[in-house]
Amino acid sequence: MIFQTVRLWKLRRKTKKIEKTFIQHRHRLANQDRIQIDALINETFSRISRKDAAGAITSFEKLNEACHRYLSLPLVLRFGLYTVGLAVTIVVALIIRQTWFELYEIPSGSMRPTLKENDRLAVSKTTFGLNIPMKPKHLFFDEKLPKRGSIVVFTGNGMNIENNRTNYFYLFPGYKQYVKRLIGLPGDSLYFYGGKIYGIDKEGQDTKLHEILTPNEHIPFIYLEGNIRSNRQTNSYYGTSYIYQMNSPIAKITEEVFGHFKGSLISKQKVEDLYELYGMENFATSRIVPKEMVSDPFYRKAGAEYFLELTHHPSIRQIDLDYDHALHHGPRPHVEMSYIPLSETQLRHIFDALYSARFQVIGGR
């Protein structure tokens, strides 16, 4: 008895759905077809009311067959409706992702130990204001809401970041999103000293940084020779090249007669050479290289299989014609190269302390 009641209830619900569709599209049916479907609907409801399950099923099957024959939309119209529905879905998804919230997956270990590789985040986009879709701008942005030490998501649009372009849904070009910790606000001055990061606000007061940054386990790096952009609108082959650090011009290289180059500083700081800016004389970029890549015989006498290559002290007093990290050929500030031979024990110590920003770390290390 219970199963029969449930079956009749399902038939009533399906019949009501067909009746609603029939009312919406009855105007495009022939008169005799309208009469036939209307009679089948009434017959089905009548049998359901009398609790005639077998008769109701038979009437519903006839009704369903008639609806498929007379109420089915043409193929072209169905394709058009599916296309419109898909387009509306994509637009709604884009609006939600751009203005409300978005899901992210951490691809690298640059935010360790707070966030690790493959961590998933749901990020609100209304915390500081209302996002303008497809633009790196806000409506009703409140500059008092961002706090030092909080984790934020920002776009690479307009920033001096390499390889920051991507395609959303494999179709729409855009810029990559970055998940980082906010350590400075507009007007702050940040500097590194002794492996730690310090800040001074626009009023000259020391800023209190997030406790996870003390001590600092990861010191951010920049290309010592800077990001070099050429201006070839002059008659010379290379023209005038400008050296940028953190998206600000700090020096320029001018091509002179007979293929000579001259470097000069345009930074407001009172320094004599490039490496004196930002304390770069205290740092070096490094990589481990095999002995075959060490051309200086002085270092090769050490007999080590691997060396720690240090690149340091970029200088505009000497300009080299070379390739940069992006394989662009042109004038570059001269950099000093030093090598330290590495023993097997030292290599093991280095490997134990390494983690990368671009591959998954096995075992949580």
Protein backbone atom coordinates (compact mmCIF):
# COMPACT_ATOMS: atom_id res chain seq x y z
CA MET A 1 0.00 0.00 0.00
CA ILE A 2 2.80 2.40 0.89
CA PHE A 3 4.69 1.66 -2.32
CA GLN A 4 1.52 2.25 -4.38
CA THR A 5 0.97 5.61 -2.66
CA VAL A 6 4.56 6.68 -3.37
CA ARG A 7 4.24 5.56 -7.01
CA LEU A 8 1.03 7.55 -7.46
CA TRP A 9 2.62 10.60 -5.84
CA LYS A 10 5.57 10.45 -8.30
CA LEU A 11 3.14 10.09 -11.23
CA ARG A 12 1.18 13.14 -10.05
CA ARG A 13 4.38 15.21 -9.82
CA LYS A 14 5.54 14.17 -13.30
CA THR A 15 2.12 14.81 -14.79
CA LYS A 16 2.01 18.31 -13.25
CA LYS A 17 5.42 19.01 -14.84
CA ILE A 18 4.13 17.90 -18.24
CA GLU A 19 1.00 19.97 -17.76
CA LYS A 20 3.12 23.08 -17.06
CA THR A 21 5.17 22.49 -20.23
CA PHE A 22 1.97 21.89 -22.21
CA ILE A 23 0.46 25.20 -21.04
CA GLN A 24 3.63 27.09 -22.06
CA HIS A 25 3.80 25.62 -25.58
CA ARG A 26 0.16 24.80 -26.44
CA HIS A 27 -0.05 27.81 -28.76
CA ARG A 28 2.23 26.15 -31.31
CA LEU A 29 0.23 22.88 -31.45
CA ALA A 30 -2.54 21.99 -33.83
CA ASN A 31 -6.05 22.01 -32.38
CA GLN A 32 -6.51 18.22 -32.47
CA ASP A 33 -3.10 17.70 -30.84
CA ARG A 34 -4.03 20.10 -28.03
CA ILE A 35 -7.27 18.23 -27.45
CA GLN A 36 -5.48 14.85 -27.38
CA ILE A 37 -2.82 15.93 -24.85
CA ASP A 38 -5.35 17.76 -22.68
CA ALA A 39 -7.53 14.62 -22.58
CA LEU A 40 -4.55 12.42 -21.60
CA ILE A 41 -3.61 14.83 -18.81
CA ASN A 42 -7.15 14.78 -17.41
CA GLU A 43 -7.34 11.00 -17.74
CA THR A 44 -4.06 10.52 -15.87
CA PHE A 45 -5.11 12.83 -13.01
CA SER A 46 -8.48 11.05 -12.82
CA ARG A 47 -6.90 7.60 -12.51
CA ILE A 48 -4.46 8.90 -9.88
CA SER A 49 -7.39 10.32 -7.87
CA ARG A 50 -9.13 6.92 -8.03
CA LYS A 51 -5.83 5.28 -6.94
CA ASP A 52 -5.84 3.18 -10.08
CA ALA A 53 -2.07 2.65 -10.27
CA ALA A 54 -2.05 0.36 -13.32
CA GLY A 55 -4.42 2.60 -15.30
CA ALA A 56 -2.52 5.75 -14.25
CA ILE A 57 0.76 4.25 -15.47
CA THR A 58 -0.80 3.34 -18.84
CA SER A 59 -2.28 6.83 -19.25
CA PHE A 60 0.99 8.50 -18.27
CA GLU A 61 2.98 6.46 -20.81
CA LYS A 62 0.57 7.55 -23.56
CA LEU A 63 0.82 11.15 -22.35
CA ASN A 64 4.61 11.03 -22.27
CA GLU A 65 4.76 9.59 -25.79
CA ALA A 66 2.40 12.29 -27.13
CA CYS A 67 4.49 15.05 -25.51
CA HIS A 68 7.70 13.73 -27.06
CA ARG A 69 5.97 13.64 -30.43
CA TYR A 70 4.34 17.08 -30.35
CA LEU A 71 6.21 19.18 -27.74
CA SER A 72 9.83 18.31 -28.51
CA LEU A 73 11.78 21.38 -29.63
CA PRO A 74 13.52 21.41 -33.04
CA LEU A 75 17.19 20.40 -32.99
CA VAL A 76 18.41 23.88 -33.95
CA LEU A 77 16.35 25.51 -31.20
CA ARG A 78 17.57 22.98 -28.61
CA PHE A 79 21.19 23.60 -29.64
CA GLY A 80 20.61 27.34 -29.35
CA LEU A 81 19.15 26.98 -25.85
CA TYR A 82 22.06 24.79 -24.71
CA THR A 83 24.53 27.32 -26.12
CA VAL A 84 22.83 30.23 -24.39
CA GLY A 85 22.68 28.27 -21.14
CA LEU A 86 26.40 27.43 -21.33
CA ALA A 87 27.30 31.06 -22.09
CA VAL A 88 25.20 32.32 -19.17
CA THR A 89 26.84 29.74 -16.86
CA ILE A 90 30.35 30.86 -17.88
CA VAL A 91 29.48 34.54 -17.44
CA VAL A 92 27.97 33.91 -13.99
CA ALA A 93 31.02 31.86 -12.98
CA LEU A 94 33.35 34.64 -14.14
CA ILE A 95 31.38 37.30 -12.26
CA ILE A 96 31.41 35.20 -9.07
CA ARG A 97 35.14 34.55 -9.39
CA GLN A 98 35.91 38.17 -10.11
CA THR A 99 33.69 39.88 -7.54
CA TRP A 100 32.67 37.49 -4.75
CA PHE A 101 35.02 34.60 -4.03
CA GLU A 102 37.40 32.23 -5.79
CA LEU A 103 38.99 28.87 -5.07
CA TYR A 104 42.77 28.55 -5.23
CA GLU A 105 45.30 25.73 -4.96
CA ILE A 106 48.80 26.53 -3.71
CA PRO A 107 51.26 25.49 -6.49
CA SER A 108 54.54 26.12 -4.68
CA GLY A 109 56.32 26.17 -1.34
CA SER A 110 56.98 29.92 -1.22
CA MET A 111 54.50 30.40 1.67
CA ARG A 112 55.84 27.58 3.85
CA PRO A 113 55.26 26.78 6.66
CA THR A 114 51.90 28.64 6.77
CA LEU A 115 50.68 27.33 3.41
CA LYS A 116 52.07 24.25 1.74
CA GLU A 117 51.94 22.79 -1.75
CA ASN A 118 48.46 21.64 -2.89
CA ASP A 119 46.69 23.42 -0.02
CA ARG A 120 43.24 24.66 -1.14
CA LEU A 121 41.87 28.07 -0.23
CA ALA A 122 38.52 29.82 -0.56
CA VAL A 123 39.38 33.52 -0.93
CA SER A 124 36.87 36.32 -0.39
CA LYS A 125 37.08 39.21 -2.85
CA THR A 126 34.96 41.63 -0.87
CA THR A 127 37.26 42.03 2.15
CA PHE A 128 38.77 45.37 1.10
CA GLY A 129 36.12 46.56 -1.35
CA LEU A 130 34.13 45.49 -4.39
CA ASN A 131 36.22 44.05 -7.22
CA ILE A 132 35.69 45.42 -10.73
CA PRO A 133 35.46 42.36 -13.04
CA MET A 134 38.48 41.82 -15.34
CA LYS A 135 40.30 44.89 -13.95
CA PRO A 136 42.82 45.25 -11.07
CA LYS A 137 40.66 47.92 -9.40
CA HIS A 138 38.14 48.23 -6.56
CA LEU A 139 34.98 50.13 -5.84
CA PHE A 140 34.60 51.49 -2.30
CA PHE A 141 38.15 50.42 -1.43
CA ASP A 142 39.02 51.11 2.22
CA GLU A 143 42.80 51.52 2.58
CA LYS A 144 42.51 51.07 6.37
CA LEU A 145 41.39 47.44 6.07
CA PRO A 146 44.64 45.80 4.85
CA LYS A 147 46.81 44.89 7.83
CA ARG A 148 50.50 44.05 8.05
CA GLY A 149 51.07 40.34 8.45
CA SER A 150 47.81 39.27 6.80
CA ILE A 151 47.74 36.93 3.82
CA VAL A 152 46.47 38.53 0.61
CA VAL A 153 45.89 37.57 -3.01
CA PHE A 154 46.88 39.99 -5.77
CA THR A 155 47.27 40.03 -9.54
CA GLY A 156 50.53 40.27 -11.47
CA ASN A 157 49.03 42.91 -13.80
CA GLY A 158 51.31 45.96 -13.94
CA MET A 159 54.01 44.34 -11.80
CA ASN A 160 57.59 43.50 -12.70
CA ILE A 161 57.07 39.73 -12.49
CA GLU A 162 58.28 37.31 -15.16
CA ASN A 163 55.91 34.82 -16.77
CA ASN A 164 52.83 36.34 -15.13
CA ARG A 165 50.39 35.74 -18.00
CA THR A 166 47.88 32.86 -18.10
CA ASN A 167 44.60 31.76 -19.71
CA TYR A 168 41.45 31.23 -17.65
CA PHE A 169 39.27 28.33 -18.80
CA TYR A 170 41.99 27.87 -21.45
CA LEU A 171 40.27 30.67 -23.41
CA PHE A 172 40.44 34.05 -21.66
CA PRO A 173 43.87 35.71 -21.38
CA GLY A 174 44.73 37.23 -18.02
CA TYR A 175 47.33 37.50 -15.29
CA LYS A 176 48.34 35.00 -12.65
CA GLN A 177 47.22 35.44 -9.06
CA TYR A 178 49.73 35.37 -6.20
CA VAL A 179 49.15 34.42 -2.56
CA LYS A 180 51.61 36.25 -0.28
CA ARG A 181 51.93 37.78 3.17
CA LEU A 182 51.46 41.54 3.37
CA ILE A 183 54.49 43.09 5.10
CA GLY A 184 54.21 46.71 3.99
CA LEU A 185 51.52 49.35 3.51
CA PRO A 186 51.59 52.45 1.24
CA GLY A 187 54.24 54.83 2.56
CA ASP A 188 56.22 52.14 4.44
CA SER A 189 59.96 51.68 3.92
CA LEU A 190 61.26 48.10 4.14
CA TYR A 191 64.86 46.94 4.38
CA PHE A 192 66.87 43.82 5.10
CA TYR A 193 69.68 43.73 7.60
CA GLY A 194 71.42 40.73 9.12
CA GLY A 195 69.02 38.29 7.48
CA LYS A 196 65.95 39.98 8.98
CA ILE A 197 63.37 42.33 7.53
CA TYR A 198 62.50 45.66 9.15
CA GLY A 199 59.92 48.33 8.39
CA ILE A 200 59.34 52.03 9.00
CA ASP A 201 55.92 53.57 8.39
CA LYS A 202 55.27 56.91 6.69
CA GLU A 203 55.40 58.66 10.08
CA GLY A 204 58.89 57.33 10.79
CA GLN A 205 57.83 54.76 13.40
CA ASP A 206 59.05 51.16 13.45
CA THR A 207 56.41 48.75 12.22
CA LYS A 208 55.71 45.50 14.00
CA LEU A 209 55.93 42.65 11.51
CA HIS A 210 54.19 39.31 11.80
CA GLU A 211 55.87 36.98 14.27
CA ILE A 212 56.37 34.34 11.58
CA LEU A 213 58.87 36.67 9.88
CA THR A 214 61.11 36.66 12.98
CA PRO A 215 63.47 34.98 12.42
CA ASN A 216 63.21 35.12 8.65
CA GLU A 217 63.70 31.69 7.03
CA HIS A 218 63.43 32.82 3.42
CA ILE A 219 65.06 36.00 2.12
CA PRO A 220 63.43 37.15 -1.15
CA PHE A 221 65.81 37.70 -4.03
CA ILE A 222 66.00 39.92 -7.08
CA TYR A 223 68.21 39.75 -10.16
CA LEU A 224 71.31 41.66 -9.16
CA GLU A 225 71.83 43.09 -12.65
CA GLY A 226 68.19 44.23 -12.70
CA ASN A 227 65.51 44.07 -15.36
CA ILE A 228 66.92 45.75 -18.47
CA ARG A 229 64.60 47.40 -20.97
CA SER A 230 65.92 48.75 -24.25
CA ASN A 231 64.84 51.84 -26.17
CA ARG A 232 65.82 51.30 -29.82
CA GLN A 233 64.22 54.42 -31.27
CA THR A 234 67.66 56.01 -31.70
CA ASN A 235 70.01 55.51 -34.64
CA SER A 236 72.33 53.19 -32.67
CA TYR A 237 71.88 49.42 -32.72
CA TYR A 238 71.11 48.91 -29.04
CA GLY A 239 69.99 52.41 -28.17
CA THR A 240 69.63 53.41 -24.54
CA SER A 241 68.82 50.68 -22.03
CA TYR A 242 67.31 51.35 -18.61
CA ILE A 243 67.95 49.15 -15.59
CA TYR A 244 64.91 48.58 -13.35
CA GLN A 245 64.76 47.16 -9.85
CA MET A 246 61.33 46.49 -8.34
CA ASN A 247 59.75 48.28 -11.34
CA SER A 248 61.69 51.53 -10.73
CA PRO A 249 64.48 52.84 -13.02
CA ILE A 250 67.82 53.05 -11.19
CA ALA A 251 70.44 53.29 -13.99
CA LYS A 252 70.85 53.53 -17.74
CA ILE A 253 73.30 52.21 -20.32
CA THR A 254 74.04 54.40 -23.34
CA GLU A 255 75.68 53.15 -26.54
CA GLU A 256 78.52 55.38 -27.68
CA VAL A 257 80.70 55.43 -30.81
CA PHE A 258 82.73 52.38 -31.88
CA GLY A 259 80.47 50.00 -29.97
CA HIS A 260 81.37 51.25 -26.50
CA PHE A 261 78.84 51.55 -23.69
CA LYS A 262 78.58 53.89 -20.75
CA GLY A 263 76.63 53.24 -17.59
CA SER A 264 75.26 55.93 -15.28
CA LEU A 265 73.04 55.97 -12.20
CA ILE A 266 69.72 57.80 -12.18
CA SER A 267 68.76 56.76 -8.66
CA LYS A 268 68.20 59.52 -6.14
CA GLN A 269 70.40 57.74 -3.62
CA LYS A 270 73.95 59.06 -3.29
CA VAL A 271 75.96 56.02 -4.36
CA GLU A 272 78.78 55.50 -6.86
CA ASP A 273 77.92 52.08 -8.30
CA LEU A 274 75.01 49.75 -8.83
CA TYR A 275 75.87 47.22 -6.13
CA GLU A 276 75.65 49.91 -3.42
CA LEU A 277 71.89 50.20 -3.90
CA TYR A 278 69.55 48.25 -1.60
CA GLY A 279 72.53 46.70 0.19
CA MET A 280 73.22 44.41 -2.79
CA GLU A 281 76.93 44.31 -1.93
CA ASN A 282 75.99 42.11 1.05
CA PHE A 283 74.21 39.45 -1.02
CA ALA A 284 74.82 37.07 -3.90
CA THR A 285 72.73 34.75 -6.03
CA SER A 286 73.96 31.18 -6.05
CA ARG A 287 73.66 27.88 -7.83
CA ILE A 288 75.46 24.53 -7.69
CA VAL A 289 77.40 23.72 -10.87
CA PRO A 290 79.59 20.76 -11.93
CA LYS A 291 83.30 21.26 -12.40
CA GLU A 292 82.87 21.26 -16.21
CA MET A 293 81.07 24.63 -15.94
CA VAL A 294 83.97 26.25 -14.04
CA SER A 295 86.31 27.72 -16.65
CA ASP A 296 88.78 29.41 -14.29
CA PRO A 297 91.74 27.02 -13.72
CA PHE A 298 92.40 28.63 -10.32
CA TYR A 299 89.19 27.16 -8.91
CA ARG A 300 89.45 23.84 -10.72
CA LYS A 301 92.65 23.09 -8.84
CA ALA A 302 90.51 22.34 -5.80
CA GLY A 303 89.60 19.00 -7.37
CA ALA A 304 85.92 19.10 -6.31
CA GLU A 305 83.20 17.59 -8.46
CA TYR A 306 80.74 20.43 -7.70
CA PHE A 307 81.08 24.11 -6.88
CA LEU A 308 78.85 26.77 -5.35
CA GLU A 309 78.72 29.55 -7.95
CA LEU A 310 78.19 33.03 -6.48
CA THR A 311 77.10 36.00 -8.61
CA HIS A 312 77.68 39.29 -6.83
CA HIS A 313 78.61 43.00 -7.04
CA PRO A 314 76.86 44.18 -10.24
CA SER A 315 78.68 47.21 -11.63
CA ILE A 316 77.97 49.76 -14.35
CA ARG A 317 81.61 50.81 -14.49
CA GLN A 318 82.08 47.89 -16.87
CA ILE A 319 79.38 46.94 -19.38
CA ASP A 320 79.26 43.47 -20.96
CA LEU A 321 77.45 42.26 -24.07
CA ASP A 322 75.77 39.06 -22.94
CA TYR A 323 72.50 37.14 -22.58
CA ASP A 324 70.25 37.72 -19.59
CA HIS A 325 68.13 35.14 -17.74
CA ALA A 326 65.44 35.42 -20.46
CA LEU A 327 68.04 34.85 -23.24
CA HIS A 328 67.82 38.45 -24.51
CA HIS A 329 71.12 39.68 -25.93
CA GLY A 330 72.32 43.16 -25.11
CA PRO A 331 74.44 45.32 -22.81
CA ARG A 332 74.48 44.17 -19.18
CA PRO A 333 76.13 45.41 -16.00
CA HIS A 334 79.27 43.42 -15.23
CA VAL A 335 78.89 40.94 -12.35
CA GLU A 336 81.63 39.21 -10.38
CA MET A 337 81.68 35.39 -10.26
CA SER A 338 83.17 33.40 -7.40
CA TYR A 339 83.28 29.66 -6.78
CA ILE A 340 83.43 27.59 -3.60
CA PRO A 341 84.38 23.88 -3.88
CA LEU A 342 81.83 21.61 -2.20
CA SER A 343 82.55 18.30 -0.50
CA GLU A 344 80.07 15.43 -0.36
CA THR A 345 79.22 16.30 3.27
CA GLN A 346 78.56 19.95 2.38
CA LEU A 347 76.35 18.91 -0.53
CA ARG A 348 74.28 16.71 1.79
CA HIS A 349 73.86 19.57 4.26
CA ILE A 350 72.69 21.86 1.45
CA PHE A 351 70.26 19.29 0.06
CA ASP A 352 68.77 18.69 3.51
CA ALA A 353 68.07 22.42 3.93
CA LEU A 354 66.65 23.05 0.45
CA TYR A 355 63.04 23.34 -0.57
CA SER A 356 61.85 24.67 -3.89
CA ALA A 357 59.08 27.01 -4.93
CA ARG A 358 58.24 24.97 -8.03
CA PHE A 359 57.88 21.31 -7.18
CA GLN A 360 56.08 19.29 -4.54
CA VAL A 361 58.14 18.44 -1.47
CA ILE A 362 57.81 14.77 -0.53
CA GLY A 363 57.47 13.91 3.14
CA GLY A 364 56.44 17.43 4.18
CA ARG A 365 59.96 18.84 4.13
